[in-house]
């Protein structure tokens, strides 16, 4: 299995949720590979931090992006923008 960066994996998850209004737990497990990764990424990150909501529909959990999730998706979609943010966060800027 190829290792994906956290940024690219978060983008793939957000894109999967955005493009499929009826995305369910199994759809996201297929992206992540197993239940442990699902719990780590979806339950403990996306849902817990308010980027996605989890609702029960016909006995299945479905996921949708929140307003914050939509914003994070747009930011991650612009890879050059997020790269700049990472560069800024790693060092102090000094006035010249």
C-alpha atoms as a PDB file:
ATOM      1  CA  UNK A   1       0.000   0.000   0.000  1.00  0.00           C
ATOM      2  CA  UNK A   2       1.421   3.365  -0.956  1.00  0.00           C
ATOM      3  CA  UNK A   3       1.706   5.923   1.800  1.00  0.00           C
ATOM      4  CA  UNK A   4      -0.340   9.053   1.270  1.00  0.00           C
ATOM      5  CA  UNK A   5       0.348  12.358   2.948  1.00  0.00           C
ATOM      6  CA  UNK A   6      -2.177  13.544   5.532  1.00  0.00           C
ATOM      7  CA  UNK A   7      -3.054  16.522   3.321  1.00  0.00           C
ATOM      8  CA  UNK A   8      -3.748  14.383   0.257  1.00  0.00           C
ATOM      9  CA  UNK A   9      -5.738  11.844   2.285  1.00  0.00           C
ATOM     10  CA  UNK A  10      -7.848  14.582   3.885  1.00  0.00           C
ATOM     11  CA  UNK A  11      -8.495  16.030   0.421  1.00  0.00           C
ATOM     12  CA  UNK A  12      -9.527  12.622  -0.965  1.00  0.00           C
ATOM     13  CA  UNK A  13     -11.946  12.092   1.924  1.00  0.00           C
ATOM     14  CA  UNK A  14     -13.482  15.560   1.607  1.00  0.00           C
ATOM     15  CA  UNK A  15     -13.782  15.141  -2.159  1.00  0.00           C
ATOM     16  CA  UNK A  16     -15.445  11.745  -1.744  1.00  0.00           C
ATOM     17  CA  UNK A  17     -17.999  13.192   0.668  1.00  0.00           C
ATOM     18  CA  UNK A  18     -18.604  16.286  -1.477  1.00  0.00           C
ATOM     19  CA  UNK A  19     -19.111  14.376  -4.730  1.00  0.00           C
ATOM     20  CA  UNK A  20     -21.491  11.771  -3.275  1.00  0.00           C
ATOM     21  CA  UNK A  21     -24.429  13.153  -1.278  1.00  0.00           C
ATOM     22  CA  UNK A  22     -25.249   9.640  -0.013  1.00  0.00           C
ATOM     23  CA  UNK A  23     -21.711   8.597   0.943  1.00  0.00           C
ATOM     24  CA  UNK A  24     -21.779   6.042   3.725  1.00  0.00           C
ATOM     25  CA  UNK A  25     -19.352   4.435   6.146  1.00  0.00           C
ATOM     26  CA  UNK A  26     -18.439   1.607   3.755  1.00  0.00           C
ATOM     27  CA  UNK A  27     -17.621   4.061   0.928  1.00  0.00           C
ATOM     28  CA  UNK A  28     -15.169   5.854   3.211  1.00  0.00           C
ATOM     29  CA  UNK A  29     -13.669   2.620   4.562  1.00  0.00           C
ATOM     30  CA  UNK A  30     -12.906   1.647   0.950  1.00  0.00           C
ATOM     31  CA  UNK A  31     -10.921   4.881   0.596  1.00  0.00           C
ATOM     32  CA  UNK A  32      -9.100   4.448   3.906  1.00  0.00           C
ATOM     33  CA  UNK A  33      -8.558   0.697   3.911  1.00  0.00           C
ATOM     34  CA  UNK A  34      -9.882  -0.396   7.310  1.00  0.00           C
ATOM     35  CA  UNK A  35     -12.109   0.435  10.286  1.00  0.00           C
ATOM     36  CA  UNK A  36      -9.223   1.682  12.417  1.00  0.00           C
ATOM     37  CA  UNK A  37      -8.279   4.297   9.815  1.00  0.00           C
ATOM     38  CA  UNK A  38     -11.962   5.204   9.421  1.00  0.00           C
ATOM     39  CA  UNK A  39     -12.243   5.858  13.155  1.00  0.00           C
ATOM     40  CA  UNK A  40      -9.010   7.870  13.131  1.00  0.00           C
ATOM     41  CA  UNK A  41      -9.817  10.029  10.103  1.00  0.00           C
ATOM     42  CA  UNK A  42     -13.591  10.299   9.967  1.00  0.00           C
ATOM     43  CA  UNK A  43     -14.782   9.920  13.547  1.00  0.00           C
ATOM     44  CA  UNK A  44     -11.856  11.492  15.390  1.00  0.00           C
ATOM     45  CA  UNK A  45     -10.993  14.178  12.845  1.00  0.00           C
ATOM     46  CA  UNK A  46     -13.674  15.134  10.305  1.00  0.00           C
ATOM     47  CA  UNK A  47     -16.739  14.649  12.525  1.00  0.00           C
ATOM     48  CA  UNK A  48     -15.086  15.558  15.833  1.00  0.00           C
ATOM     49  CA  UNK A  49     -13.589  18.787  14.471  1.00  0.00           C
ATOM     50  CA  UNK A  50     -16.818  19.814  12.718  1.00  0.00           C
ATOM     51  CA  UNK A  51     -15.798  19.324   9.083  1.00  0.00           C
ATOM     52  CA  UNK A  52     -18.469  16.662   8.455  1.00  0.00           C
ATOM     53  CA  UNK A  53     -21.714  15.487  10.001  1.00  0.00           C
ATOM     54  CA  UNK A  54     -22.785  11.905  10.583  1.00  0.00           C
ATOM     55  CA  UNK A  55     -26.470  11.014  10.351  1.00  0.00           C
ATOM     56  CA  UNK A  56     -28.353   7.725  10.386  1.00  0.00           C
ATOM     57  CA  UNK A  57     -30.448   7.215   7.224  1.00  0.00           C
ATOM     58  CA  UNK A  58     -32.287   3.924   6.670  1.00  0.00           C
ATOM     59  CA  UNK A  59     -30.025   2.118   9.134  1.00  0.00           C
ATOM     60  CA  UNK A  60     -26.781   3.424   7.606  1.00  0.00           C
ATOM     61  CA  UNK A  61     -24.544   6.277   8.614  1.00  0.00           C
ATOM     62  CA  UNK A  62     -24.193   8.936   5.944  1.00  0.00           C
ATOM     63  CA  UNK A  63     -21.735  11.810   5.890  1.00  0.00           C
ATOM     64  CA  UNK A  64     -22.008  15.372   4.628  1.00  0.00           C
ATOM     65  CA  UNK A  65     -19.621  18.302   4.688  1.00  0.00           C
ATOM     66  CA  UNK A  66     -20.352  21.202   6.989  1.00  0.00           C
ATOM     67  CA  UNK A  67     -19.646  24.795   6.010  1.00  0.00           C
ATOM     68  CA  UNK A  68     -16.188  24.417   7.579  1.00  0.00           C
ATOM     69  CA  UNK A  69     -15.692  21.178   5.653  1.00  0.00           C
ATOM     70  CA  UNK A  70     -16.543  22.949   2.396  1.00  0.00           C
ATOM     71  CA  UNK A  71     -14.008  25.656   3.237  1.00  0.00           C
ATOM     72  CA  UNK A  72     -11.298  23.111   4.082  1.00  0.00           C
ATOM     73  CA  UNK A  73     -12.039  21.291   0.810  1.00  0.00           C
ATOM     74  CA  UNK A  74     -11.627  24.505  -1.205  1.00  0.00           C
ATOM     75  CA  UNK A  75      -8.373  25.356   0.608  1.00  0.00           C
ATOM     76  CA  UNK A  76      -6.912  21.886   0.061  1.00  0.00           C
ATOM     77  CA  UNK A  77      -8.032  21.936  -3.576  1.00  0.00           C
ATOM     78  CA  UNK A  78      -5.694  24.879  -4.119  1.00  0.00           C
ATOM     79  CA  UNK A  79      -2.494  22.968  -3.401  1.00  0.00           C
ATOM     80  CA  UNK A  80      -0.222  25.970  -3.907  1.00  0.00           C
ATOM     81  CA  UNK A  81      -2.172  27.912  -1.283  1.00  0.00           C
ATOM     82  CA  UNK A  82      -1.910  25.222   1.383  1.00  0.00           C
ATOM     83  CA  UNK A  83       1.781  24.768   0.571  1.00  0.00           C
ATOM     84  CA  UNK A  84       2.317  28.438   1.328  1.00  0.00           C
ATOM     85  CA  UNK A  85       0.471  28.117   4.631  1.00  0.00           C
ATOM     86  CA  UNK A  86       2.713  25.205   5.636  1.00  0.00           C
ATOM     87  CA  UNK A  87       5.803  27.229   4.749  1.00  0.00           C
ATOM     88  CA  UNK A  88       4.559  30.142   6.862  1.00  0.00           C
ATOM     89  CA  UNK A  89       3.788  27.927   9.824  1.00  0.00           C
ATOM     90  CA  UNK A  90       7.314  26.506   9.892  1.00  0.00           C
ATOM     91  CA  UNK A  91       9.240  29.724  10.361  1.00  0.00           C
ATOM     92  CA  UNK A  92       8.904  33.229  11.662  1.00  0.00           C
ATOM     93  CA  UNK A  93       8.471  36.075   9.235  1.00  0.00           C
ATOM     94  CA  UNK A  94      10.565  39.122   9.891  1.00  0.00           C
ATOM     95  CA  UNK A  95       9.813  42.628   8.808  1.00  0.00           C
ATOM     96  CA  UNK A  96      12.428  44.006   6.437  1.00  0.00           C
END
